[in-house]
N, C-alpha and C. Protein backbone atom coordinates (compact mmCIF):
# COMPACT_ATOMS: atom_id res chain seq x y z
N MET A 1 109.58 88.77 112.90
CA MET A 1 110.49 88.28 111.88
C MET A 1 111.69 89.21 111.76
N ASP A 2 112.86 88.67 111.70
CA ASP A 2 114.10 89.43 111.58
C ASP A 2 114.19 90.08 110.21
N ARG A 3 114.34 91.41 110.19
CA ARG A 3 114.37 92.12 108.93
C ARG A 3 115.72 92.02 108.24
N ALA A 4 116.74 91.41 108.87
CA ALA A 4 118.07 91.38 108.28
C ALA A 4 118.15 90.41 107.10
N SER A 5 117.23 89.47 107.00
CA SER A 5 117.22 88.53 105.89
C SER A 5 115.79 88.35 105.42
N ALA A 6 115.65 87.72 104.24
CA ALA A 6 114.30 87.57 103.71
C ALA A 6 113.99 86.12 103.36
N ILE A 7 114.35 85.65 102.18
CA ILE A 7 113.94 84.33 101.72
C ILE A 7 115.13 83.58 101.16
N GLU A 8 115.26 82.31 101.55
CA GLU A 8 116.24 81.40 100.94
C GLU A 8 115.51 80.13 100.52
N VAL A 9 115.61 79.80 99.25
CA VAL A 9 114.95 78.62 98.69
C VAL A 9 116.02 77.65 98.21
N ASN A 10 115.99 76.42 98.70
CA ASN A 10 117.01 75.43 98.35
C ASN A 10 116.37 74.13 97.89
N HIS A 11 116.64 73.77 96.63
CA HIS A 11 116.24 72.48 96.05
C HIS A 11 114.76 72.18 96.29
N LEU A 12 113.94 73.20 96.11
CA LEU A 12 112.51 73.06 96.40
C LEU A 12 111.81 72.29 95.29
N GLY A 13 111.03 71.29 95.67
CA GLY A 13 110.27 70.52 94.70
C GLY A 13 108.91 70.16 95.23
N LYS A 14 107.96 70.00 94.32
CA LYS A 14 106.60 69.61 94.70
C LYS A 14 106.07 68.62 93.69
N GLN A 15 105.66 67.46 94.16
CA GLN A 15 105.04 66.44 93.33
C GLN A 15 103.70 66.04 93.94
N VAL A 16 102.77 65.68 93.08
CA VAL A 16 101.47 65.19 93.53
C VAL A 16 101.10 63.95 92.71
N ALA A 17 100.29 63.11 93.30
CA ALA A 17 99.83 61.93 92.58
C ALA A 17 98.66 62.30 91.69
N ASP A 18 98.65 61.75 90.47
CA ASP A 18 97.49 61.91 89.59
C ASP A 18 97.18 60.57 88.93
N ALA A 19 96.26 60.58 87.99
CA ALA A 19 95.79 59.33 87.39
C ALA A 19 96.90 58.56 86.68
N SER A 20 97.91 59.29 86.19
CA SER A 20 98.99 58.64 85.44
C SER A 20 100.19 58.27 86.30
N GLY A 21 100.12 58.62 87.60
CA GLY A 21 101.23 58.31 88.49
C GLY A 21 101.62 59.51 89.32
N THR A 22 102.74 60.12 89.00
CA THR A 22 103.24 61.27 89.75
C THR A 22 103.41 62.46 88.83
N LEU A 23 102.85 63.60 89.23
CA LEU A 23 102.97 64.84 88.48
C LEU A 23 103.93 65.76 89.20
N THR A 24 104.98 66.21 88.50
CA THR A 24 105.94 67.15 89.07
C THR A 24 105.48 68.57 88.77
N ILE A 25 105.19 69.32 89.82
CA ILE A 25 104.73 70.71 89.67
C ILE A 25 105.92 71.66 89.73
N LEU A 26 106.84 71.43 90.66
CA LEU A 26 108.07 72.22 90.78
C LEU A 26 109.24 71.28 90.96
N GLU A 27 110.40 71.65 90.39
CA GLU A 27 111.56 70.78 90.47
C GLU A 27 112.84 71.59 90.70
N ASP A 28 113.50 71.33 91.81
CA ASP A 28 114.83 71.85 92.11
C ASP A 28 114.92 73.37 91.93
N ILE A 29 114.06 74.10 92.67
CA ILE A 29 114.04 75.56 92.62
C ILE A 29 115.01 76.11 93.66
N ASN A 30 115.90 77.01 93.22
CA ASN A 30 116.90 77.61 94.11
C ASN A 30 116.99 79.11 93.84
N PHE A 31 116.81 79.93 94.87
CA PHE A 31 117.08 81.36 94.76
C PHE A 31 117.04 81.98 96.15
N THR A 32 117.57 83.18 96.27
CA THR A 32 117.49 83.93 97.52
C THR A 32 116.94 85.32 97.23
N VAL A 33 116.32 85.92 98.21
CA VAL A 33 115.78 87.27 98.11
C VAL A 33 116.29 88.07 99.30
N SER A 34 116.92 89.19 99.02
CA SER A 34 117.42 90.05 100.09
C SER A 34 116.30 90.92 100.65
N ALA A 35 116.45 91.32 101.89
CA ALA A 35 115.45 92.17 102.53
C ALA A 35 115.29 93.47 101.75
N GLY A 36 114.04 93.87 101.55
CA GLY A 36 113.74 95.11 100.87
C GLY A 36 113.65 95.00 99.37
N GLN A 37 113.97 93.85 98.78
CA GLN A 37 113.89 93.69 97.34
C GLN A 37 112.44 93.54 96.88
N SER A 38 112.22 93.83 95.60
CA SER A 38 110.96 93.48 94.94
C SER A 38 111.27 92.47 93.86
N VAL A 39 110.54 91.36 93.87
CA VAL A 39 110.80 90.24 92.97
C VAL A 39 109.49 89.80 92.33
N SER A 40 109.50 89.66 91.01
CA SER A 40 108.33 89.10 90.32
C SER A 40 108.59 87.65 89.95
N ILE A 41 107.54 86.84 90.00
CA ILE A 41 107.58 85.46 89.54
C ILE A 41 106.59 85.35 88.39
N THR A 42 107.09 85.04 87.21
CA THR A 42 106.26 84.98 86.02
C THR A 42 106.35 83.61 85.37
N GLY A 43 105.48 83.38 84.41
CA GLY A 43 105.45 82.12 83.68
C GLY A 43 104.05 81.86 83.18
N ALA A 44 103.93 80.96 82.23
CA ALA A 44 102.62 80.63 81.67
C ALA A 44 101.75 79.94 82.70
N SER A 45 100.45 79.89 82.43
CA SER A 45 99.55 79.14 83.29
C SER A 45 100.04 77.69 83.39
N GLY A 46 100.06 77.16 84.60
CA GLY A 46 100.53 75.80 84.80
C GLY A 46 102.02 75.67 85.01
N SER A 47 102.74 76.79 85.05
CA SER A 47 104.19 76.73 85.22
C SER A 47 104.61 76.53 86.66
N GLY A 48 103.69 76.70 87.60
CA GLY A 48 104.00 76.48 89.01
C GLY A 48 104.11 77.74 89.84
N LYS A 49 103.71 78.89 89.30
CA LYS A 49 103.87 80.16 90.02
C LYS A 49 103.12 80.19 91.35
N SER A 50 101.83 79.89 91.29
CA SER A 50 101.03 79.97 92.52
C SER A 50 101.45 78.89 93.52
N THR A 51 101.83 77.71 93.02
CA THR A 51 102.33 76.67 93.92
C THR A 51 103.59 77.15 94.63
N LEU A 52 104.49 77.79 93.88
CA LEU A 52 105.71 78.31 94.49
C LEU A 52 105.39 79.35 95.55
N LEU A 53 104.47 80.26 95.26
CA LEU A 53 104.11 81.28 96.23
C LEU A 53 103.54 80.63 97.50
N GLY A 54 102.69 79.62 97.33
CA GLY A 54 102.13 78.94 98.48
C GLY A 54 103.19 78.26 99.33
N LEU A 55 104.21 77.71 98.68
CA LEU A 55 105.31 77.09 99.42
C LEU A 55 106.15 78.14 100.14
N LEU A 56 106.43 79.26 99.48
CA LEU A 56 107.21 80.32 100.12
C LEU A 56 106.52 80.83 101.39
N ALA A 57 105.19 80.84 101.36
CA ALA A 57 104.43 81.34 102.50
C ALA A 57 104.14 80.26 103.52
N GLY A 58 104.54 79.01 103.24
CA GLY A 58 104.26 77.93 104.16
C GLY A 58 102.80 77.52 104.17
N LEU A 59 102.06 77.88 103.13
CA LEU A 59 100.66 77.48 103.03
C LEU A 59 100.53 76.07 102.47
N ASP A 60 101.58 75.59 101.84
CA ASP A 60 101.66 74.23 101.31
C ASP A 60 102.99 73.65 101.76
N VAL A 61 103.14 72.34 101.65
CA VAL A 61 104.34 71.65 102.10
C VAL A 61 105.04 71.03 100.89
N PRO A 62 106.36 71.19 100.75
CA PRO A 62 107.05 70.67 99.57
C PRO A 62 107.29 69.16 99.69
N THR A 63 107.59 68.55 98.56
CA THR A 63 108.03 67.16 98.54
C THR A 63 109.51 67.08 98.89
N THR A 64 110.28 68.03 98.38
CA THR A 64 111.72 68.10 98.67
C THR A 64 112.12 69.55 98.90
N GLY A 65 113.26 69.74 99.56
CA GLY A 65 113.84 71.07 99.68
C GLY A 65 113.36 71.84 100.89
N SER A 66 113.81 73.09 100.97
CA SER A 66 113.55 73.92 102.15
C SER A 66 113.31 75.37 101.75
N VAL A 67 112.61 76.08 102.63
CA VAL A 67 112.40 77.52 102.54
C VAL A 67 112.73 78.11 103.90
N ARG A 68 113.57 79.15 103.89
CA ARG A 68 113.88 79.87 105.11
C ARG A 68 113.36 81.29 104.97
N LEU A 69 112.56 81.71 105.94
CA LEU A 69 112.10 83.09 106.02
C LEU A 69 112.79 83.76 107.19
N ALA A 70 113.57 84.81 106.89
CA ALA A 70 114.32 85.51 107.93
C ALA A 70 115.15 84.54 108.77
N GLY A 71 115.74 83.55 108.10
CA GLY A 71 116.61 82.60 108.77
C GLY A 71 115.91 81.41 109.40
N GLN A 72 114.58 81.43 109.43
CA GLN A 72 113.81 80.34 110.04
C GLN A 72 113.40 79.33 108.98
N SER A 73 113.80 78.08 109.14
CA SER A 73 113.39 77.02 108.22
C SER A 73 111.94 76.67 108.52
N ILE A 74 111.02 77.13 107.66
CA ILE A 74 109.61 77.07 108.02
C ILE A 74 109.06 75.65 107.99
N PHE A 75 109.69 74.74 107.25
CA PHE A 75 109.17 73.38 107.21
C PHE A 75 109.76 72.50 108.31
N ASP A 76 110.55 73.11 109.19
CA ASP A 76 110.89 72.47 110.46
C ASP A 76 109.80 72.69 111.50
N LEU A 77 108.83 73.55 111.15
CA LEU A 77 107.74 73.89 112.05
C LEU A 77 106.48 73.12 111.66
N ASP A 78 105.58 72.93 112.61
CA ASP A 78 104.29 72.34 112.28
C ASP A 78 103.37 73.44 111.72
N GLU A 79 102.14 73.06 111.38
CA GLU A 79 101.23 74.02 110.76
C GLU A 79 100.98 75.23 111.64
N ASP A 80 100.84 75.01 112.94
CA ASP A 80 100.63 76.13 113.86
C ASP A 80 101.85 77.04 113.91
N GLY A 81 103.04 76.45 113.87
CA GLY A 81 104.26 77.24 113.88
C GLY A 81 104.39 78.09 112.63
N ARG A 82 104.05 77.51 111.47
CA ARG A 82 104.11 78.29 110.23
C ARG A 82 103.08 79.41 110.25
N ALA A 83 101.90 79.13 110.81
CA ALA A 83 100.88 80.17 110.92
C ALA A 83 101.36 81.31 111.80
N ALA A 84 102.11 80.99 112.86
CA ALA A 84 102.64 82.02 113.74
C ALA A 84 103.66 82.89 113.02
N VAL A 85 104.49 82.27 112.18
CA VAL A 85 105.46 83.04 111.38
C VAL A 85 104.72 84.00 110.45
N ARG A 86 103.68 83.50 109.79
CA ARG A 86 102.92 84.37 108.88
C ARG A 86 102.26 85.52 109.65
N ALA A 87 101.69 85.21 110.80
CA ALA A 87 101.00 86.25 111.57
C ALA A 87 101.95 87.32 112.06
N SER A 88 103.20 86.94 112.33
CA SER A 88 104.14 87.90 112.92
C SER A 88 104.88 88.73 111.89
N GLY A 89 104.93 88.27 110.62
CA GLY A 89 105.77 89.04 109.71
C GLY A 89 105.49 88.91 108.24
N VAL A 90 104.30 88.44 107.85
CA VAL A 90 104.00 88.25 106.43
C VAL A 90 102.64 88.88 106.12
N GLY A 91 102.60 89.67 105.03
CA GLY A 91 101.34 90.21 104.54
C GLY A 91 100.97 89.56 103.22
N PHE A 92 99.68 89.57 102.91
CA PHE A 92 99.19 88.96 101.68
C PHE A 92 98.23 89.91 100.96
N VAL A 93 98.36 89.93 99.63
CA VAL A 93 97.39 90.62 98.78
C VAL A 93 96.99 89.64 97.68
N PHE A 94 95.68 89.40 97.56
CA PHE A 94 95.18 88.40 96.62
C PHE A 94 94.36 89.06 95.50
N GLN A 95 94.28 88.35 94.38
CA GLN A 95 93.44 88.80 93.27
C GLN A 95 91.99 88.97 93.71
N SER A 96 91.51 88.07 94.57
CA SER A 96 90.11 88.07 94.98
C SER A 96 89.83 88.88 96.24
N PHE A 97 90.82 89.68 96.67
CA PHE A 97 90.71 90.63 97.78
C PHE A 97 90.64 89.96 99.16
N GLN A 98 89.81 88.92 99.33
CA GLN A 98 89.73 88.17 100.59
C GLN A 98 89.33 89.05 101.78
N LEU A 99 88.46 90.01 101.54
CA LEU A 99 87.92 90.81 102.65
C LEU A 99 86.77 90.04 103.31
N LEU A 100 86.58 90.28 104.61
CA LEU A 100 85.46 89.64 105.32
C LEU A 100 84.19 90.46 105.08
N PRO A 101 83.16 89.86 104.47
CA PRO A 101 82.01 90.64 104.02
C PRO A 101 81.18 91.24 105.14
N ASN A 102 81.26 90.66 106.32
CA ASN A 102 80.45 91.17 107.43
C ASN A 102 81.17 92.22 108.26
N LEU A 103 82.38 92.61 107.84
CA LEU A 103 83.13 93.66 108.52
C LEU A 103 83.20 94.89 107.63
N THR A 104 83.19 96.06 108.25
CA THR A 104 83.35 97.31 107.51
C THR A 104 84.80 97.46 107.03
N THR A 105 85.01 98.46 106.20
CA THR A 105 86.36 98.78 105.75
C THR A 105 87.31 98.92 106.93
N LEU A 106 86.93 99.73 107.91
CA LEU A 106 87.79 99.96 109.07
C LEU A 106 88.00 98.66 109.85
N GLU A 107 86.95 97.89 110.03
CA GLU A 107 87.07 96.65 110.81
C GLU A 107 87.96 95.63 110.10
N ASN A 108 87.90 95.56 108.76
CA ASN A 108 88.77 94.65 108.02
C ASN A 108 90.23 95.01 108.23
N VAL A 109 90.56 96.29 108.25
CA VAL A 109 91.95 96.71 108.42
C VAL A 109 92.40 96.58 109.86
N MET A 110 91.49 96.77 110.80
CA MET A 110 91.84 96.61 112.21
C MET A 110 92.08 95.15 112.59
N LEU A 111 91.46 94.23 111.86
CA LEU A 111 91.44 92.83 112.29
C LEU A 111 92.82 92.23 112.57
N PRO A 112 93.81 92.33 111.65
CA PRO A 112 95.09 91.69 111.96
C PRO A 112 95.78 92.29 113.19
N LEU A 113 95.59 93.58 113.42
CA LEU A 113 96.16 94.20 114.61
C LEU A 113 95.48 93.66 115.86
N GLU A 114 94.17 93.52 115.81
CA GLU A 114 93.43 92.99 116.96
C GLU A 114 93.85 91.55 117.26
N LEU A 115 94.02 90.75 116.20
CA LEU A 115 94.43 89.36 116.41
C LEU A 115 95.82 89.27 117.02
N ALA A 116 96.64 90.29 116.74
CA ALA A 116 97.99 90.32 117.31
C ALA A 116 98.03 90.95 118.69
N GLY A 117 96.86 91.37 119.20
CA GLY A 117 96.79 91.97 120.52
C GLY A 117 97.34 93.38 120.57
N ARG A 118 97.30 94.08 119.42
CA ARG A 118 97.85 95.44 119.35
C ARG A 118 96.73 96.46 119.25
N GLU A 119 97.03 97.70 119.61
CA GLU A 119 96.08 98.79 119.43
C GLU A 119 95.79 98.92 117.94
N ALA A 120 94.51 98.95 117.58
CA ALA A 120 94.15 98.77 116.18
C ALA A 120 93.55 100.01 115.52
N ARG A 121 92.71 100.73 116.19
CA ARG A 121 91.92 101.76 115.51
C ARG A 121 92.78 102.87 114.92
N THR A 122 93.70 103.40 115.72
CA THR A 122 94.50 104.54 115.24
C THR A 122 95.37 104.18 114.04
N PRO A 123 96.15 103.09 114.08
CA PRO A 123 96.94 102.76 112.89
C PRO A 123 96.09 102.37 111.69
N ALA A 124 94.93 101.74 111.92
CA ALA A 124 94.05 101.40 110.80
C ALA A 124 93.50 102.67 110.14
N LEU A 125 93.10 103.64 110.95
CA LEU A 125 92.63 104.91 110.39
C LEU A 125 93.72 105.60 109.58
N ALA A 126 94.95 105.59 110.11
CA ALA A 126 96.06 106.23 109.41
C ALA A 126 96.35 105.53 108.08
N MET A 127 96.30 104.22 108.05
CA MET A 127 96.58 103.49 106.83
C MET A 127 95.47 103.71 105.79
N LEU A 128 94.24 103.75 106.22
CA LEU A 128 93.14 104.01 105.28
C LEU A 128 93.22 105.44 104.73
N GLU A 129 93.67 106.35 105.53
CA GLU A 129 93.93 107.70 105.03
C GLU A 129 95.01 107.67 103.96
N GLN A 130 96.04 106.87 104.18
CA GLN A 130 97.16 106.78 103.25
C GLN A 130 96.73 106.20 101.90
N VAL A 131 95.78 105.26 101.91
CA VAL A 131 95.33 104.67 100.65
C VAL A 131 94.10 105.38 100.08
N GLY A 132 93.71 106.49 100.69
CA GLY A 132 92.65 107.32 100.13
C GLY A 132 91.24 106.83 100.41
N LEU A 133 91.03 106.14 101.53
CA LEU A 133 89.71 105.61 101.82
C LEU A 133 89.17 106.09 103.17
N ALA A 134 89.63 107.21 103.64
CA ALA A 134 89.15 107.72 104.93
C ALA A 134 87.66 108.03 104.89
N HIS A 135 87.11 108.24 103.69
CA HIS A 135 85.68 108.55 103.54
C HIS A 135 84.82 107.30 103.42
N ARG A 136 85.44 106.10 103.48
CA ARG A 136 84.69 104.86 103.27
C ARG A 136 84.81 103.92 104.48
N LEU A 137 85.09 104.47 105.65
CA LEU A 137 85.40 103.66 106.82
C LEU A 137 84.29 102.68 107.20
N ASN A 138 83.05 103.11 107.09
CA ASN A 138 81.93 102.32 107.59
C ASN A 138 81.20 101.56 106.49
N HIS A 139 81.79 101.51 105.30
CA HIS A 139 81.19 100.78 104.19
C HIS A 139 81.62 99.32 104.23
N TYR A 140 80.71 98.45 103.81
CA TYR A 140 81.01 97.02 103.72
C TYR A 140 81.57 96.70 102.33
N PRO A 141 82.35 95.61 102.21
CA PRO A 141 82.98 95.30 100.93
C PRO A 141 82.03 95.27 99.74
N SER A 142 80.80 94.79 99.95
CA SER A 142 79.85 94.69 98.83
C SER A 142 79.47 96.04 98.26
N THR A 143 79.70 97.12 99.00
CA THR A 143 79.35 98.46 98.52
C THR A 143 80.56 99.18 97.92
N LEU A 144 81.71 98.53 97.87
CA LEU A 144 82.92 99.14 97.35
C LEU A 144 83.19 98.65 95.94
N SER A 145 83.85 99.48 95.14
CA SER A 145 84.30 99.05 93.82
C SER A 145 85.47 98.08 93.96
N GLY A 146 85.81 97.40 92.86
CA GLY A 146 86.95 96.49 92.90
C GLY A 146 88.23 97.18 93.31
N GLY A 147 88.46 98.37 92.77
CA GLY A 147 89.67 99.11 93.12
C GLY A 147 89.69 99.50 94.58
N GLU A 148 88.53 99.89 95.11
CA GLU A 148 88.46 100.24 96.53
C GLU A 148 88.69 99.02 97.41
N GLN A 149 88.12 97.88 97.00
CA GLN A 149 88.35 96.66 97.78
C GLN A 149 89.83 96.28 97.80
N GLN A 150 90.51 96.44 96.67
CA GLN A 150 91.94 96.11 96.65
C GLN A 150 92.74 97.10 97.48
N ARG A 151 92.32 98.35 97.54
CA ARG A 151 93.00 99.31 98.42
C ARG A 151 92.80 98.94 99.89
N VAL A 152 91.61 98.46 100.25
CA VAL A 152 91.40 97.97 101.61
C VAL A 152 92.32 96.78 101.88
N SER A 153 92.44 95.89 100.89
CA SER A 153 93.32 94.73 101.04
C SER A 153 94.77 95.17 101.25
N LEU A 154 95.22 96.18 100.49
CA LEU A 154 96.57 96.70 100.68
C LEU A 154 96.74 97.32 102.07
N ALA A 155 95.74 98.09 102.49
CA ALA A 155 95.82 98.70 103.82
C ALA A 155 95.90 97.64 104.91
N ARG A 156 95.10 96.58 104.76
CA ARG A 156 95.12 95.49 105.74
C ARG A 156 96.48 94.80 105.75
N ALA A 157 97.07 94.62 104.58
CA ALA A 157 98.38 93.96 104.50
C ALA A 157 99.48 94.81 105.10
N PHE A 158 99.48 96.10 104.80
CA PHE A 158 100.59 96.96 105.20
C PHE A 158 100.43 97.55 106.60
N VAL A 159 99.22 97.48 107.19
CA VAL A 159 99.03 98.08 108.50
C VAL A 159 99.89 97.41 109.56
N MET A 160 100.26 96.16 109.34
CA MET A 160 101.13 95.44 110.26
C MET A 160 102.61 95.73 110.02
N HIS A 161 102.91 96.55 109.00
CA HIS A 161 104.31 96.81 108.62
C HIS A 161 105.08 95.49 108.46
N PRO A 162 104.58 94.59 107.63
CA PRO A 162 105.22 93.28 107.51
C PRO A 162 106.58 93.38 106.83
N PRO A 163 107.58 92.66 107.31
CA PRO A 163 108.85 92.61 106.59
C PRO A 163 108.72 92.00 105.20
N LEU A 164 107.70 91.16 105.00
CA LEU A 164 107.56 90.41 103.76
C LEU A 164 106.11 90.45 103.29
N LEU A 165 105.91 90.76 102.00
CA LEU A 165 104.57 90.78 101.42
C LEU A 165 104.54 89.89 100.19
N PHE A 166 103.56 88.97 100.16
CA PHE A 166 103.29 88.15 98.99
C PHE A 166 102.05 88.68 98.29
N ALA A 167 102.14 88.87 96.98
CA ALA A 167 101.00 89.35 96.19
C ALA A 167 100.78 88.39 95.04
N ASP A 168 99.55 87.88 94.93
CA ASP A 168 99.21 86.90 93.90
C ASP A 168 98.23 87.55 92.92
N GLU A 169 98.74 87.91 91.73
CA GLU A 169 97.93 88.55 90.68
C GLU A 169 97.07 89.67 91.26
N PRO A 170 97.67 90.68 91.91
CA PRO A 170 96.87 91.67 92.64
C PRO A 170 95.99 92.55 91.78
N THR A 171 96.25 92.60 90.46
CA THR A 171 95.40 93.41 89.58
C THR A 171 94.56 92.56 88.65
N GLY A 172 94.53 91.24 88.87
CA GLY A 172 93.86 90.34 87.94
C GLY A 172 92.37 90.58 87.82
N SER A 173 91.74 91.14 88.85
CA SER A 173 90.29 91.38 88.82
C SER A 173 89.93 92.83 88.49
N LEU A 174 90.93 93.62 88.11
CA LEU A 174 90.72 95.05 87.92
C LEU A 174 90.93 95.46 86.47
N ASP A 175 90.26 96.55 86.07
CA ASP A 175 90.51 97.10 84.74
C ASP A 175 91.90 97.73 84.71
N ALA A 176 92.40 98.03 83.52
CA ALA A 176 93.79 98.46 83.36
C ALA A 176 94.10 99.74 84.13
N ALA A 177 93.23 100.73 84.04
CA ALA A 177 93.50 102.01 84.70
C ALA A 177 93.49 101.85 86.22
N THR A 178 92.50 101.13 86.75
CA THR A 178 92.44 100.91 88.19
C THR A 178 93.62 100.08 88.65
N GLY A 179 93.97 99.05 87.86
CA GLY A 179 95.11 98.21 88.22
C GLY A 179 96.40 99.00 88.30
N GLU A 180 96.59 99.95 87.39
CA GLU A 180 97.80 100.77 87.40
C GLU A 180 97.87 101.61 88.67
N ARG A 181 96.74 102.16 89.11
CA ARG A 181 96.73 102.95 90.34
C ARG A 181 97.04 102.08 91.56
N ILE A 182 96.49 100.85 91.57
CA ILE A 182 96.75 99.94 92.68
C ILE A 182 98.23 99.58 92.74
N ILE A 183 98.83 99.32 91.58
CA ILE A 183 100.25 98.96 91.55
C ILE A 183 101.12 100.13 92.00
N ASP A 184 100.78 101.35 91.56
CA ASP A 184 101.53 102.52 92.03
C ASP A 184 101.48 102.60 93.55
N LEU A 185 100.30 102.37 94.11
CA LEU A 185 100.13 102.44 95.55
C LEU A 185 100.92 101.33 96.24
N MET A 186 100.87 100.11 95.70
CA MET A 186 101.58 99.00 96.32
C MET A 186 103.08 99.24 96.34
N PHE A 187 103.64 99.72 95.24
CA PHE A 187 105.08 99.98 95.20
C PHE A 187 105.45 101.17 96.09
N SER A 188 104.57 102.15 96.20
CA SER A 188 104.84 103.27 97.11
C SER A 188 104.91 102.78 98.56
N LEU A 189 103.97 101.92 98.96
CA LEU A 189 104.00 101.37 100.31
C LEU A 189 105.20 100.46 100.52
N HIS A 190 105.53 99.67 99.49
CA HIS A 190 106.72 98.80 99.55
C HIS A 190 107.98 99.62 99.83
N ARG A 191 108.12 100.75 99.13
CA ARG A 191 109.33 101.58 99.33
C ARG A 191 109.31 102.27 100.68
N SER A 192 108.16 102.81 101.08
CA SER A 192 108.11 103.58 102.32
C SER A 192 108.32 102.70 103.55
N GLN A 193 107.90 101.43 103.46
CA GLN A 193 108.06 100.52 104.60
C GLN A 193 109.26 99.58 104.45
N ASN A 194 109.97 99.68 103.33
CA ASN A 194 111.11 98.79 103.06
C ASN A 194 110.71 97.32 103.17
N THR A 195 109.53 97.02 102.67
CA THR A 195 109.01 95.65 102.70
C THR A 195 109.61 94.84 101.55
N THR A 196 109.96 93.60 101.82
CA THR A 196 110.34 92.68 100.76
C THR A 196 109.07 92.24 100.05
N LEU A 197 109.03 92.43 98.73
CA LEU A 197 107.82 92.17 97.94
C LEU A 197 108.07 91.03 96.97
N VAL A 198 107.24 90.00 97.03
CA VAL A 198 107.28 88.90 96.08
C VAL A 198 105.93 88.85 95.39
N LEU A 199 105.95 89.01 94.07
CA LEU A 199 104.74 89.25 93.29
C LEU A 199 104.61 88.22 92.18
N VAL A 200 103.51 87.48 92.17
CA VAL A 200 103.19 86.56 91.07
C VAL A 200 102.30 87.31 90.07
N THR A 201 102.67 87.27 88.80
CA THR A 201 101.88 87.99 87.81
C THR A 201 102.06 87.40 86.42
N HIS A 202 101.01 87.55 85.59
CA HIS A 202 101.11 87.26 84.16
C HIS A 202 101.53 88.51 83.38
N ASP A 203 101.47 89.67 84.03
CA ASP A 203 101.65 90.96 83.38
C ASP A 203 103.13 91.32 83.30
N GLN A 204 103.70 91.30 82.10
CA GLN A 204 105.13 91.58 81.94
C GLN A 204 105.48 93.01 82.31
N ALA A 205 104.58 93.96 82.02
CA ALA A 205 104.86 95.36 82.39
C ALA A 205 104.95 95.50 83.91
N LEU A 206 104.08 94.81 84.61
CA LEU A 206 104.12 94.83 86.07
C LEU A 206 105.38 94.13 86.57
N ALA A 207 105.71 92.98 85.99
CA ALA A 207 106.91 92.25 86.40
C ALA A 207 108.16 93.10 86.27
N GLN A 208 108.22 93.91 85.21
CA GLN A 208 109.41 94.71 84.96
C GLN A 208 109.56 95.87 85.93
N ARG A 209 108.51 96.18 86.70
CA ARG A 209 108.64 97.21 87.72
C ARG A 209 109.37 96.70 88.95
N CYS A 210 109.51 95.39 89.06
CA CYS A 210 110.23 94.81 90.19
C CYS A 210 111.74 94.84 89.95
N GLY A 211 112.48 94.82 91.02
CA GLY A 211 113.94 94.87 90.90
C GLY A 211 114.53 93.60 90.32
N ARG A 212 113.82 92.47 90.50
CA ARG A 212 114.27 91.19 89.95
C ARG A 212 113.08 90.48 89.34
N GLN A 213 113.37 89.69 88.31
CA GLN A 213 112.34 88.87 87.68
C GLN A 213 112.79 87.42 87.65
N ILE A 214 111.94 86.54 88.16
CA ILE A 214 112.18 85.11 88.14
C ILE A 214 111.11 84.48 87.24
N ARG A 215 111.54 83.69 86.27
CA ARG A 215 110.58 83.08 85.34
C ARG A 215 110.60 81.57 85.48
N LEU A 216 109.41 81.00 85.54
CA LEU A 216 109.24 79.55 85.62
C LEU A 216 108.73 79.02 84.29
N HIS A 217 109.17 77.82 83.96
CA HIS A 217 108.64 77.11 82.80
C HIS A 217 108.55 75.63 83.16
N ALA A 218 107.32 75.10 83.10
CA ALA A 218 107.10 73.68 83.39
C ALA A 218 107.72 73.26 84.72
N GLY A 219 107.59 74.14 85.71
CA GLY A 219 108.02 73.79 87.04
C GLY A 219 109.48 74.02 87.36
N ARG A 220 110.21 74.57 86.42
CA ARG A 220 111.64 74.82 86.66
C ARG A 220 111.93 76.31 86.49
N LEU A 221 112.91 76.79 87.26
CA LEU A 221 113.37 78.17 87.12
C LEU A 221 114.26 78.24 85.89
N VAL A 222 113.81 78.99 84.87
CA VAL A 222 114.55 78.98 83.60
C VAL A 222 115.45 80.18 83.41
N ASP A 223 115.10 81.31 83.98
CA ASP A 223 116.00 82.44 83.92
C ASP A 223 115.63 83.48 84.97
N GLU A 224 116.53 84.41 85.15
CA GLU A 224 116.34 85.46 86.15
C GLU A 224 117.07 86.69 85.65
N GLU A 225 116.48 87.86 85.89
CA GLU A 225 117.15 89.09 85.51
C GLU A 225 116.84 90.18 86.49
N ALA A 226 117.74 91.14 86.58
CA ALA A 226 117.54 92.33 87.40
C ALA A 226 117.19 93.49 86.49
N THR A 227 116.38 94.44 87.02
CA THR A 227 116.03 95.61 86.27
C THR A 227 116.53 96.86 86.98
């Protein structure tokens, strides 16, 4: 993925059929994100935050509009093409960690490098050292605390040095103190790698740590501010 640009969203909309006819989840969303920025997407439950994140990542398909990642119009691609874009330049951090339970800490972090056909062990070891888990290499996810699992998730996301990282409520499953440490680590990695960070959160204090804040209400972008 070309690091010279990040995200362009034009007239993005999403509708689904329901019992009453058609439900509008997102309507006429427009914004751009420059490379290296940190952006939060906030709003009440049901405002369309997670749907928007899924569309930005090409995990869902819009009813109207377009998304360009690094200049590439992702909905001009088929599902395999969008998957290739994600594999080459997008990292993900989820509330539920999404670690593979049958792989060790080290194997979970090595996996995306192996799938990309790259040397995996050395960079995975270095990244786990960076997130403070060099002593937990051979542990399985079920033996790790929630905070440790999220650190493995961060290491797995950042080991590929992705130009773009999507994070969906990354501290939602963690207590306040652990969540604060995870966020400090995520922003430290974001700055050191100059990764473009797009973060969905209910937490206003977390949102305010981002350089820009985008707020949704009932599927529409209602305001935006820089910090």
